[in-house]
Amino acid sequence: MFIRRFASAAAPPAATASRTANAGKKSVASGAASKATTASVSEGTTSATSATTTTTTTTIKLPEWTPKFATKDKHNTLFALPQTAAAFAIKNSFLNSTQQLAKTRAKTLFRESTADAVLLRDSWLAFVHAANAELAAPESKNKLVLDARPGAGKSAFLNLAASHFRAFDYIVLHFQNIASWTSGLEPYARAPDSDLFTQSAFTAVVLKQIADVNASVLDKITVKGSYSFGNKPFSGTLSQLLAVGINNEKNAHKVLESFMNELLEFPENRPPVLFSFDQVNALYTNTAYFDEESKPIHANKLALLRPFIQLLTRPTVPKACILAATDQTTTQIKSPFLNHLISQKQQQQHKDASSSTSSSTTTTSASAENLSEFSSFGNALVSKEIAPAIYDPVTFMTDVHPVGVVVHTVPEFQVNEAYALVDGLKRAGKLQVSRVSDEFVQKAVMVTKGNARELLKYCV
């Protein structure tokens, strides 16, 4: 009952997104009207009142995000992610010099990192409303996948959603950088008598992230299933179960499988679960690891990824919601299969919306029965002999295809949203830009086509 009440309060009506888009398309010739929707960077603080520029030099602190702000009247407000959100980060055991250099260069762009600053957008409210609907149902049938061009704000949507639902004491499994799991940086070995490959040390790191994020919840949940480690039967809480793999990496993979089994097979024993995967396409492509014959290992053959891939193939998931976002910037994880699936789904959703004859939550899968729909798959069906570089074996791996994909497109920033973001970051001391005027923001949106990442680069 509580979840249903929240769902109606946290998300705007369906018309909200369209009203926001229409508002953004209008000229901001009326400076007063534009700034009326500008972000408040602290509760009760309004935007700069100057008709052309922001002249204040006072640095103010962004309010920390809490679910009470998930209302339509707070849209275009800039918030700081809770400090607890830092626990979602997972660090690889090994970072090469190129990655370290990239991080150093990125930090020079801003006075301080803007990663913890998020703008509350109407489109995010609609997205979290859809997630709420899945969590409120006894069984979730849909996987909500965010898609847009690089830099649109997909990761920001997921980060805010993870912080949002964690505040309700839900179990949150939010993984920000799946691509790093397949990047070849971690020690690995073939599992005995198996076609899988293990990453025991790194899997223990993943287990620790899950435990750290959800400690207050998992400490209260008693394990119901029957498991043993080292011929010793296990009994205890979910936190204690994770500790078995954290403290002894040899048990890490078995603990992960046992933990996932607890979440999926004993839903009455736990609160709702949010599964969130950034760079989800990394699950549907070859990795940077190689087998004994120097052939690339597919993601489905990594024991760490297998439980999550299987999760996405389930027709229903009890008391849970699955969120994901694509990433087209990392060439190593490009998946023609997933790109085509999402494209097909978007076309179907647009067709359904225009005809108003069926729900936008109609599911699409690539099971053996309907694989014929991929007859015009394009690059993914190109012969391996003709074009090995773009051949995608996942097309025919029907047992790993995701089921129930529903695509949410992150919209481009409109002028009022861009003004809210730039002005808010400047006044919070996170963005070094001399002034924020109507003309400046209009030009920035036009030049960057409303892309959040490019917008910030343009400003500096």
Protein backbone atom coordinates (compact mmCIF):
# COMPACT_ATOMS: atom_id res chain seq x y z
CA MET A 1 0.00 0.00 0.00
CA PHE A 2 2.83 2.35 0.82
CA ILE A 3 4.46 1.73 -2.53
CA ARG A 4 1.28 2.51 -4.43
CA ARG A 5 0.80 5.77 -2.56
CA PHE A 6 4.36 6.76 -3.38
CA ALA A 7 3.99 5.86 -7.03
CA SER A 8 1.21 8.36 -7.50
CA ALA A 9 3.03 11.07 -5.58
CA ALA A 10 6.45 10.67 -7.13
CA ALA A 11 5.58 10.66 -10.78
CA PRO A 12 3.74 13.23 -12.91
CA PRO A 13 0.84 12.48 -15.26
CA ALA A 14 1.71 11.22 -18.71
CA ALA A 15 1.18 14.69 -20.14
CA THR A 16 4.00 16.14 -18.03
CA ALA A 17 6.81 15.03 -20.32
CA SER A 18 5.10 16.52 -23.37
CA ARG A 19 4.44 19.78 -21.57
CA THR A 20 8.10 19.97 -20.61
CA ALA A 21 9.21 19.28 -24.15
CA ASN A 22 6.88 21.93 -25.55
CA ALA A 23 8.05 24.44 -23.00
CA GLY A 24 11.67 23.76 -23.91
CA LYS A 25 11.02 24.38 -27.59
CA LYS A 26 9.76 27.87 -26.97
CA SER A 27 12.08 30.84 -27.17
CA VAL A 28 13.29 32.26 -23.89
CA ALA A 29 12.88 35.79 -25.10
CA SER A 30 10.89 36.32 -21.98
CA GLY A 31 13.72 36.06 -19.48
CA ALA A 32 11.42 36.19 -16.49
CA ALA A 33 9.35 33.26 -17.73
CA SER A 34 12.47 31.21 -18.43
CA LYS A 35 14.00 31.79 -15.03
CA ALA A 36 10.74 31.02 -13.29
CA THR A 37 11.49 27.35 -13.96
CA THR A 38 15.20 27.59 -13.21
CA ALA A 39 16.64 25.28 -10.59
CA SER A 40 16.62 26.19 -6.94
CA VAL A 41 20.02 25.12 -5.71
CA SER A 42 18.91 25.16 -2.10
CA GLU A 43 15.45 24.78 -0.68
CA GLY A 44 13.67 28.07 -0.81
CA THR A 45 16.33 29.69 -3.03
CA THR A 46 15.23 30.99 -6.41
CA SER A 47 17.22 31.59 -9.58
CA ALA A 48 19.15 34.77 -10.28
CA THR A 49 16.86 37.68 -11.03
CA SER A 50 19.11 39.43 -13.51
CA ALA A 51 17.45 39.69 -16.91
CA THR A 52 20.66 38.87 -18.76
CA THR A 53 23.45 37.58 -16.55
CA THR A 54 24.10 35.90 -13.25
CA THR A 55 26.45 38.10 -11.24
CA THR A 56 26.34 36.46 -7.81
CA THR A 57 29.66 35.07 -6.62
CA THR A 58 28.33 33.38 -3.50
CA THR A 59 28.86 29.64 -3.56
CA ILE A 60 25.94 27.77 -2.10
CA LYS A 61 25.52 24.17 -1.07
CA LEU A 62 23.24 21.90 -3.06
CA PRO A 63 20.48 20.23 -1.02
CA GLU A 64 20.94 16.49 -0.66
CA TRP A 65 18.46 14.36 -2.54
CA THR A 66 15.66 12.67 -0.61
CA PRO A 67 12.46 11.07 -1.99
CA LYS A 68 10.36 13.96 -0.68
CA PHE A 69 11.70 16.01 -3.60
CA ALA A 70 10.34 13.55 -6.20
CA THR A 71 7.44 15.81 -7.07
CA LYS A 72 6.51 17.75 -10.16
CA ASP A 73 6.84 21.13 -8.47
CA LYS A 74 10.56 20.44 -7.85
CA HIS A 75 11.42 19.82 -11.48
CA ASN A 76 14.49 21.66 -12.79
CA THR A 77 15.93 21.73 -9.28
CA LEU A 78 19.58 20.81 -8.80
CA PHE A 79 20.44 18.35 -6.03
CA ALA A 80 23.47 16.59 -4.62
CA LEU A 81 23.37 12.82 -4.49
CA PRO A 82 23.42 11.48 -0.92
CA GLN A 83 26.84 10.67 0.50
CA THR A 84 25.74 7.06 0.69
CA ALA A 85 25.67 6.98 -3.13
CA ALA A 86 29.47 6.77 -3.13
CA ALA A 87 29.15 3.15 -1.98
CA PHE A 88 27.76 2.20 -5.41
CA ALA A 89 31.20 2.66 -7.01
CA ILE A 90 33.21 -0.49 -7.69
CA LYS A 91 36.92 -0.09 -8.33
CA ASN A 92 38.88 -2.52 -10.47
CA SER A 93 41.87 -4.13 -8.84
CA PHE A 94 44.06 -2.83 -11.64
CA LEU A 95 43.78 0.51 -13.43
CA ASN A 96 46.10 1.05 -16.36
CA SER A 97 47.94 4.31 -16.92
CA THR A 98 45.61 5.38 -19.73
CA GLN A 99 42.59 5.20 -17.43
CA GLN A 100 44.41 7.09 -14.69
CA LEU A 101 45.41 9.83 -17.13
CA ALA A 102 41.85 10.12 -18.44
CA LYS A 103 40.57 10.59 -14.90
CA THR A 104 43.15 13.31 -14.20
CA ARG A 105 42.23 15.20 -17.37
CA ALA A 106 38.53 14.96 -16.62
CA LYS A 107 39.00 16.56 -13.22
CA THR A 108 40.69 19.61 -14.74
CA LEU A 109 37.50 20.52 -16.62
CA PHE A 110 35.65 21.55 -13.48
CA ARG A 111 36.49 23.20 -10.18
CA GLU A 112 35.22 20.01 -8.61
CA SER A 113 33.49 16.92 -9.94
CA THR A 114 29.91 17.41 -11.09
CA ALA A 115 29.14 13.70 -10.85
CA ASP A 116 27.31 14.10 -7.56
CA ALA A 117 25.02 16.86 -8.90
CA VAL A 118 21.73 15.83 -10.53
CA LEU A 119 18.96 17.87 -12.09
CA LEU A 120 15.43 16.70 -11.37
CA ARG A 121 13.80 16.44 -14.80
CA ASP A 122 10.19 15.67 -15.65
CA SER A 123 11.45 12.82 -17.81
CA TRP A 124 13.16 11.26 -14.78
CA LEU A 125 9.94 11.53 -12.79
CA ALA A 126 8.14 9.62 -15.54
CA PHE A 127 10.93 7.02 -15.51
CA VAL A 128 10.79 6.51 -11.74
CA HIS A 129 6.99 6.34 -11.94
CA ALA A 130 7.36 3.38 -14.34
CA ALA A 131 9.86 1.78 -11.95
CA ASN A 132 7.42 2.27 -9.08
CA ALA A 133 4.73 0.46 -11.04
CA GLU A 134 7.02 -2.54 -11.47
CA LEU A 135 7.97 -2.57 -7.78
CA ALA A 136 4.34 -2.31 -6.72
CA ALA A 137 3.30 -5.34 -8.76
CA PRO A 138 3.61 -8.88 -7.33
CA GLU A 139 5.73 -9.74 -10.37
CA SER A 140 7.57 -7.44 -12.73
CA LYS A 141 7.36 -8.31 -16.42
CA ASN A 142 9.37 -5.42 -17.85
CA LYS A 143 13.02 -4.43 -18.06
CA LEU A 144 13.20 -0.63 -18.33
CA VAL A 145 16.12 0.22 -20.62
CA LEU A 146 17.37 3.78 -21.05
CA ASP A 147 18.66 4.62 -24.50
CA ALA A 148 20.00 7.86 -25.99
CA ARG A 149 23.13 9.16 -27.62
CA PRO A 150 26.29 9.34 -25.46
CA GLY A 151 26.25 12.11 -22.86
CA ALA A 152 22.46 12.45 -22.72
CA GLY A 153 22.28 11.66 -19.00
CA LYS A 154 21.42 7.94 -18.86
CA SER A 155 23.88 7.25 -16.06
CA ALA A 156 22.58 10.24 -14.11
CA PHE A 157 19.05 8.82 -14.39
CA LEU A 158 20.21 5.47 -12.99
CA ASN A 159 22.33 6.99 -10.21
CA LEU A 160 19.44 9.12 -9.00
CA ALA A 161 17.01 6.19 -9.20
CA ALA A 162 19.37 4.00 -7.15
CA SER A 163 19.76 6.66 -4.45
CA HIS A 164 16.02 7.30 -4.52
CA PHE A 165 14.93 3.71 -3.90
CA ARG A 166 17.71 2.99 -1.44
CA ALA A 167 16.19 5.68 0.79
CA PHE A 168 13.11 3.42 1.17
CA ASP A 169 15.24 0.59 2.58
CA TYR A 170 14.79 -1.43 -0.57
CA ILE A 171 17.58 -3.79 -1.61
CA VAL A 172 19.49 -2.01 -4.38
CA LEU A 173 21.95 -3.74 -6.69
CA HIS A 174 23.22 -0.85 -8.79
CA PHE A 175 26.28 -1.47 -10.95
CA GLN A 176 27.66 1.63 -12.65
CA ASN A 177 30.45 0.24 -14.82
CA ILE A 178 29.69 -3.21 -16.21
CA ALA A 179 32.20 -2.58 -19.02
CA SER A 180 35.05 -2.66 -16.51
CA TRP A 181 33.98 -6.17 -15.51
CA THR A 182 34.73 -7.37 -19.06
CA SER A 183 37.78 -5.19 -19.73
CA GLY A 184 40.43 -7.85 -19.12
CA LEU A 185 41.91 -6.08 -16.10
CA GLU A 186 41.10 -8.72 -13.48
CA PRO A 187 42.71 -12.11 -12.80
CA TYR A 188 40.62 -14.96 -14.18
CA ALA A 189 40.72 -18.72 -14.59
CA ARG A 190 38.67 -21.49 -16.10
CA ALA A 191 36.33 -23.06 -13.59
CA PRO A 192 37.05 -26.77 -13.00
CA ASP A 193 34.93 -29.09 -15.16
CA SER A 194 33.02 -26.13 -16.64
CA ASP A 195 32.86 -23.90 -19.70
CA LEU A 196 32.75 -20.85 -17.41
CA PHE A 197 35.60 -18.57 -16.32
CA THR A 198 35.90 -17.22 -12.80
CA GLN A 199 37.04 -13.83 -11.48
CA SER A 200 37.11 -14.79 -7.84
CA ALA A 201 38.94 -11.77 -6.41
CA PHE A 202 36.81 -9.25 -8.29
CA THR A 203 33.59 -11.11 -7.53
CA ALA A 204 34.44 -10.72 -3.83
CA VAL A 205 34.75 -6.95 -4.48
CA VAL A 206 31.29 -6.92 -6.08
CA LEU A 207 29.85 -8.81 -3.10
CA LYS A 208 31.35 -6.23 -0.75
CA GLN A 209 29.71 -3.40 -2.68
CA ILE A 210 26.33 -5.13 -2.37
CA ALA A 211 26.91 -5.69 1.33
CA ASP A 212 28.06 -2.12 2.03
CA VAL A 213 25.14 -0.51 0.20
CA ASN A 214 22.47 -2.72 1.76
CA ALA A 215 23.91 -3.58 5.18
CA SER A 216 21.05 -2.17 7.24
CA VAL A 217 18.52 -4.24 5.29
CA LEU A 218 20.42 -7.48 4.75
CA ASP A 219 21.31 -7.72 8.44
CA LYS A 220 17.62 -8.31 9.18
CA ILE A 221 16.89 -11.01 6.60
CA THR A 222 17.45 -14.66 7.46
CA VAL A 223 18.53 -17.01 4.70
CA LYS A 224 15.82 -19.53 3.81
CA GLY A 225 17.55 -21.75 1.26
CA SER A 226 19.94 -24.61 1.88
CA TYR A 227 23.60 -23.84 1.08
CA SER A 228 26.94 -25.19 2.15
CA PHE A 229 30.49 -23.92 1.77
CA GLY A 230 33.45 -26.18 2.31
CA ASN A 231 31.08 -28.99 3.26
CA LYS A 232 29.77 -26.81 6.09
CA PRO A 233 26.03 -25.98 6.00
CA PHE A 234 25.30 -22.28 6.15
CA SER A 235 22.80 -20.53 8.39
CA GLY A 236 22.51 -16.84 9.11
CA THR A 237 21.50 -13.54 7.53
CA LEU A 238 22.01 -12.33 3.98
CA SER A 239 24.81 -10.09 5.24
CA GLN A 240 26.55 -13.09 6.76
CA LEU A 241 26.06 -15.01 3.52
CA LEU A 242 27.82 -12.28 1.56
CA ALA A 243 30.61 -12.23 4.14
CA VAL A 244 31.40 -15.86 3.32
CA GLY A 245 32.38 -14.80 -0.21
CA ILE A 246 33.96 -11.51 0.81
CA ASN A 247 36.28 -13.12 3.36
CA ASN A 248 37.15 -16.12 1.20
CA GLU A 249 37.23 -15.36 -2.51
CA LYS A 250 37.19 -19.08 -3.33
CA ASN A 251 33.54 -19.03 -2.25
CA ALA A 252 32.68 -15.76 -4.03
CA HIS A 253 30.94 -17.15 -7.12
CA LYS A 254 28.92 -19.71 -5.20
CA VAL A 255 27.90 -17.03 -2.70
CA LEU A 256 26.74 -14.75 -5.53
CA GLU A 257 24.61 -17.53 -7.00
CA SER A 258 23.18 -18.33 -3.55
CA PHE A 259 22.43 -14.68 -2.86
CA MET A 260 20.61 -14.26 -6.19
CA ASN A 261 18.67 -17.44 -5.49
CA GLU A 262 17.53 -16.01 -2.15
CA LEU A 263 16.28 -12.83 -3.81
CA LEU A 264 14.40 -14.63 -6.58
CA GLU A 265 13.06 -17.71 -4.82
CA PHE A 266 12.10 -16.26 -1.43
CA PRO A 267 10.58 -12.82 -2.19
CA GLU A 268 8.29 -12.99 0.85
CA ASN A 269 11.41 -12.88 3.00
CA ARG A 270 12.63 -9.49 1.78
CA PRO A 271 11.65 -5.94 0.74
CA PRO A 272 11.46 -4.97 -2.96
CA VAL A 273 14.69 -5.21 -4.97
CA LEU A 274 16.01 -2.75 -7.55
CA PHE A 275 18.44 -4.23 -10.07
CA SER A 276 20.26 -1.55 -12.07
CA PHE A 277 22.83 -2.11 -14.82
CA ASP A 278 24.71 0.71 -16.51
CA GLN A 279 26.49 -0.26 -19.76
CA VAL A 280 24.11 -3.19 -20.11
CA ASN A 281 25.36 -3.95 -23.62
CA ALA A 282 28.54 -5.33 -22.02
CA LEU A 283 26.43 -8.37 -21.12
CA TYR A 284 25.81 -9.14 -24.79
CA THR A 285 29.20 -9.07 -26.44
CA ASN A 286 32.65 -10.62 -26.35
CA THR A 287 34.92 -9.58 -23.51
CA ALA A 288 38.61 -8.62 -23.45
CA TYR A 289 39.40 -11.99 -21.85
CA PHE A 290 40.65 -14.93 -23.93
CA ASP A 291 40.49 -18.69 -23.53
CA GLU A 292 43.33 -21.21 -23.89
CA GLU A 293 43.03 -21.03 -27.68
CA SER A 294 43.27 -17.22 -27.69
CA LYS A 295 39.61 -16.88 -28.61
CA PRO A 296 37.63 -14.05 -26.96
CA ILE A 297 35.41 -15.15 -24.09
CA HIS A 298 31.79 -14.11 -24.37
CA ALA A 299 30.25 -12.29 -21.41
CA ASN A 300 27.89 -15.21 -20.84
CA LYS A 301 30.92 -17.37 -20.05
CA LEU A 302 32.04 -15.20 -17.13
CA ALA A 303 30.69 -16.69 -13.91
CA LEU A 304 30.32 -13.21 -12.43
CA LEU A 305 28.00 -12.04 -15.22
CA ARG A 306 26.02 -15.23 -15.76
CA PRO A 307 23.53 -14.72 -12.86
CA PHE A 308 22.66 -11.22 -14.09
CA ILE A 309 22.28 -12.31 -17.71
CA GLN A 310 19.95 -15.07 -16.56
CA LEU A 311 18.01 -12.51 -14.54
CA LEU A 312 17.31 -10.52 -17.71
CA THR A 313 16.00 -13.63 -19.46
CA ARG A 314 13.33 -14.28 -16.82
CA PRO A 315 9.78 -13.52 -18.01
CA THR A 316 8.88 -12.26 -14.52
CA VAL A 317 10.75 -11.21 -11.38
CA PRO A 318 8.92 -11.11 -8.02
CA LYS A 319 8.83 -7.87 -6.01
CA ALA A 320 11.53 -6.26 -8.11
CA CYS A 321 12.35 -3.82 -10.87
CA ILE A 322 15.13 -4.09 -13.45
CA LEU A 323 16.64 -0.91 -14.85
CA ALA A 324 19.42 -0.65 -17.41
CA ALA A 325 21.19 1.85 -19.64
CA THR A 326 23.15 1.41 -22.86
CA ASP A 327 26.59 2.84 -23.56
CA GLN A 328 27.70 3.54 -27.13
CA THR A 329 30.98 5.27 -26.24
CA THR A 330 33.03 2.18 -25.40
CA THR A 331 33.81 0.36 -28.63
CA GLN A 332 34.72 -2.88 -26.85
CA ILE A 333 31.15 -3.44 -25.68
CA LYS A 334 29.18 -2.56 -28.80
CA SER A 335 26.40 -5.07 -29.39
CA PRO A 336 24.65 -5.04 -32.78
CA PHE A 337 22.14 -7.51 -31.34
CA LEU A 338 21.07 -5.28 -28.48
CA ASN A 339 21.08 -2.17 -30.66
CA HIS A 340 18.70 -3.84 -33.07
CA LEU A 341 16.46 -5.17 -30.31
CA ILE A 342 16.16 -1.68 -28.81
CA SER A 343 15.55 -0.11 -32.21
CA GLN A 344 12.80 -2.61 -32.97
CA LYS A 345 11.26 -2.03 -29.57
CA GLN A 346 11.30 1.76 -30.00
CA GLN A 347 9.57 1.45 -33.35
CA GLN A 348 6.93 -0.82 -31.86
CA GLN A 349 6.34 1.50 -28.91
CA HIS A 350 5.95 4.50 -31.23
CA LYS A 351 3.54 2.50 -33.37
CA ASP A 352 1.54 1.45 -30.32
CA ALA A 353 1.42 5.00 -28.98
CA SER A 354 0.27 6.46 -32.30
CA SER A 355 -2.40 3.83 -32.87
CA SER A 356 -3.49 3.71 -29.20
CA THR A 357 -4.43 0.10 -29.73
CA SER A 358 -1.99 -1.52 -27.29
CA SER A 359 0.09 -0.68 -24.24
CA SER A 360 3.65 0.63 -24.49
CA THR A 361 4.64 -2.18 -22.14
CA THR A 362 4.18 -4.83 -24.84
CA THR A 363 7.20 -7.11 -24.49
CA THR A 364 9.64 -8.10 -27.17
CA SER A 365 12.07 -10.99 -26.96
CA ALA A 366 14.19 -12.96 -29.36
CA SER A 367 13.19 -16.46 -28.34
CA ALA A 368 13.55 -19.38 -30.70
CA GLU A 369 9.87 -19.05 -31.62
CA ASN A 370 10.11 -15.49 -32.89
CA LEU A 371 13.70 -15.31 -34.09
CA SER A 372 12.25 -14.82 -37.57
CA GLU A 373 11.61 -11.17 -36.67
CA PHE A 374 15.38 -10.71 -36.87
CA SER A 375 15.53 -11.82 -40.50
CA SER A 376 16.48 -8.24 -41.44
CA PHE A 377 18.86 -7.91 -38.54
CA GLY A 378 21.50 -6.08 -40.55
CA ASN A 379 25.06 -6.24 -39.20
CA ALA A 380 24.23 -8.82 -36.55
CA LEU A 381 23.37 -11.43 -39.18
CA VAL A 382 26.32 -10.75 -41.44
CA SER A 383 28.26 -13.94 -42.08
CA LYS A 384 31.24 -14.50 -39.82
CA GLU A 385 33.32 -15.36 -42.87
CA ILE A 386 32.28 -12.25 -44.81
CA ALA A 387 32.65 -9.69 -42.00
CA PRO A 388 34.08 -11.19 -38.80
CA ALA A 389 34.56 -7.75 -37.24
CA ILE A 390 30.82 -7.06 -37.07
CA TYR A 391 29.46 -10.58 -36.76
CA ASP A 392 27.39 -10.89 -33.59
CA PRO A 393 27.02 -14.44 -32.25
CA VAL A 394 24.48 -13.30 -29.64
CA THR A 395 21.86 -13.18 -32.38
CA PHE A 396 21.59 -16.97 -32.25
CA MET A 397 22.19 -17.39 -28.51
CA THR A 398 18.48 -17.36 -27.76
CA ASP A 399 18.94 -18.62 -24.21
CA VAL A 400 20.57 -15.31 -23.18
CA HIS A 401 18.24 -12.88 -24.95
CA PRO A 402 16.54 -10.36 -22.62
CA VAL A 403 12.78 -10.67 -22.28
CA GLY A 404 10.30 -7.84 -21.72
CA VAL A 405 12.43 -4.90 -22.85
CA VAL A 406 10.70 -1.51 -22.56
CA VAL A 407 12.73 1.40 -23.91
CA HIS A 408 12.78 4.84 -22.28
CA THR A 409 14.58 7.49 -24.31
CA VAL A 410 16.36 10.20 -22.31
CA PRO A 411 15.27 13.43 -24.03
CA GLU A 412 17.57 16.24 -25.05
CA PHE A 413 17.88 19.16 -22.65
CA GLN A 414 15.47 21.94 -23.46
CA VAL A 415 16.48 25.56 -22.91
CA ASN A 416 14.85 25.89 -19.50
CA GLU A 417 16.50 22.67 -18.29
CA ALA A 418 19.87 23.73 -19.67
CA TYR A 419 19.62 27.09 -17.93
CA ALA A 420 18.74 25.34 -14.67
CA LEU A 421 21.72 23.00 -14.98
CA VAL A 422 24.34 25.55 -15.97
CA ASP A 423 23.20 28.28 -13.60
CA GLY A 424 22.83 25.83 -10.72
CA LEU A 425 26.29 24.31 -11.21
CA LYS A 426 27.85 27.76 -11.49
CA ARG A 427 26.26 29.05 -8.30
CA ALA A 428 27.21 25.84 -6.49
CA GLY A 429 30.85 26.41 -7.44
CA LYS A 430 31.03 23.36 -9.68
CA LEU A 431 31.24 25.03 -13.06
CA GLN A 432 33.59 27.82 -14.09
CA VAL A 433 31.64 29.95 -16.51
CA SER A 434 31.76 33.74 -16.48
CA ARG A 435 28.07 34.37 -17.01
CA VAL A 436 24.76 32.65 -17.66
CA SER A 437 22.44 34.56 -19.97
CA ASP A 438 19.43 33.64 -22.06
CA GLU A 439 21.43 34.14 -25.24
CA PHE A 440 24.35 32.05 -23.97
CA VAL A 441 22.14 29.10 -23.01
CA GLN A 442 20.09 29.26 -26.21
CA LYS A 443 23.27 29.09 -28.29
CA ALA A 444 24.70 26.31 -26.11
CA VAL A 445 21.59 24.17 -26.57
CA MET A 446 21.60 24.80 -30.31
CA VAL A 447 25.29 23.96 -30.73
CA THR A 448 25.21 20.86 -28.52
CA LYS A 449 21.72 19.71 -29.58
CA GLY A 450 20.74 19.57 -25.93
CA ASN A 451 23.32 16.94 -24.99
CA ALA A 452 24.19 17.27 -21.31
CA ARG A 453 27.84 16.27 -21.61
CA GLU A 454 28.48 18.46 -24.63
CA LEU A 455 26.61 21.31 -22.96
CA LEU A 456 28.99 21.29 -19.99
CA LYS A 457 32.02 21.04 -22.27
CA TYR A 458 30.72 24.03 -24.22
CA CYS A 459 30.44 26.05 -21.05
CA VAL A 460 34.09 25.54 -20.11
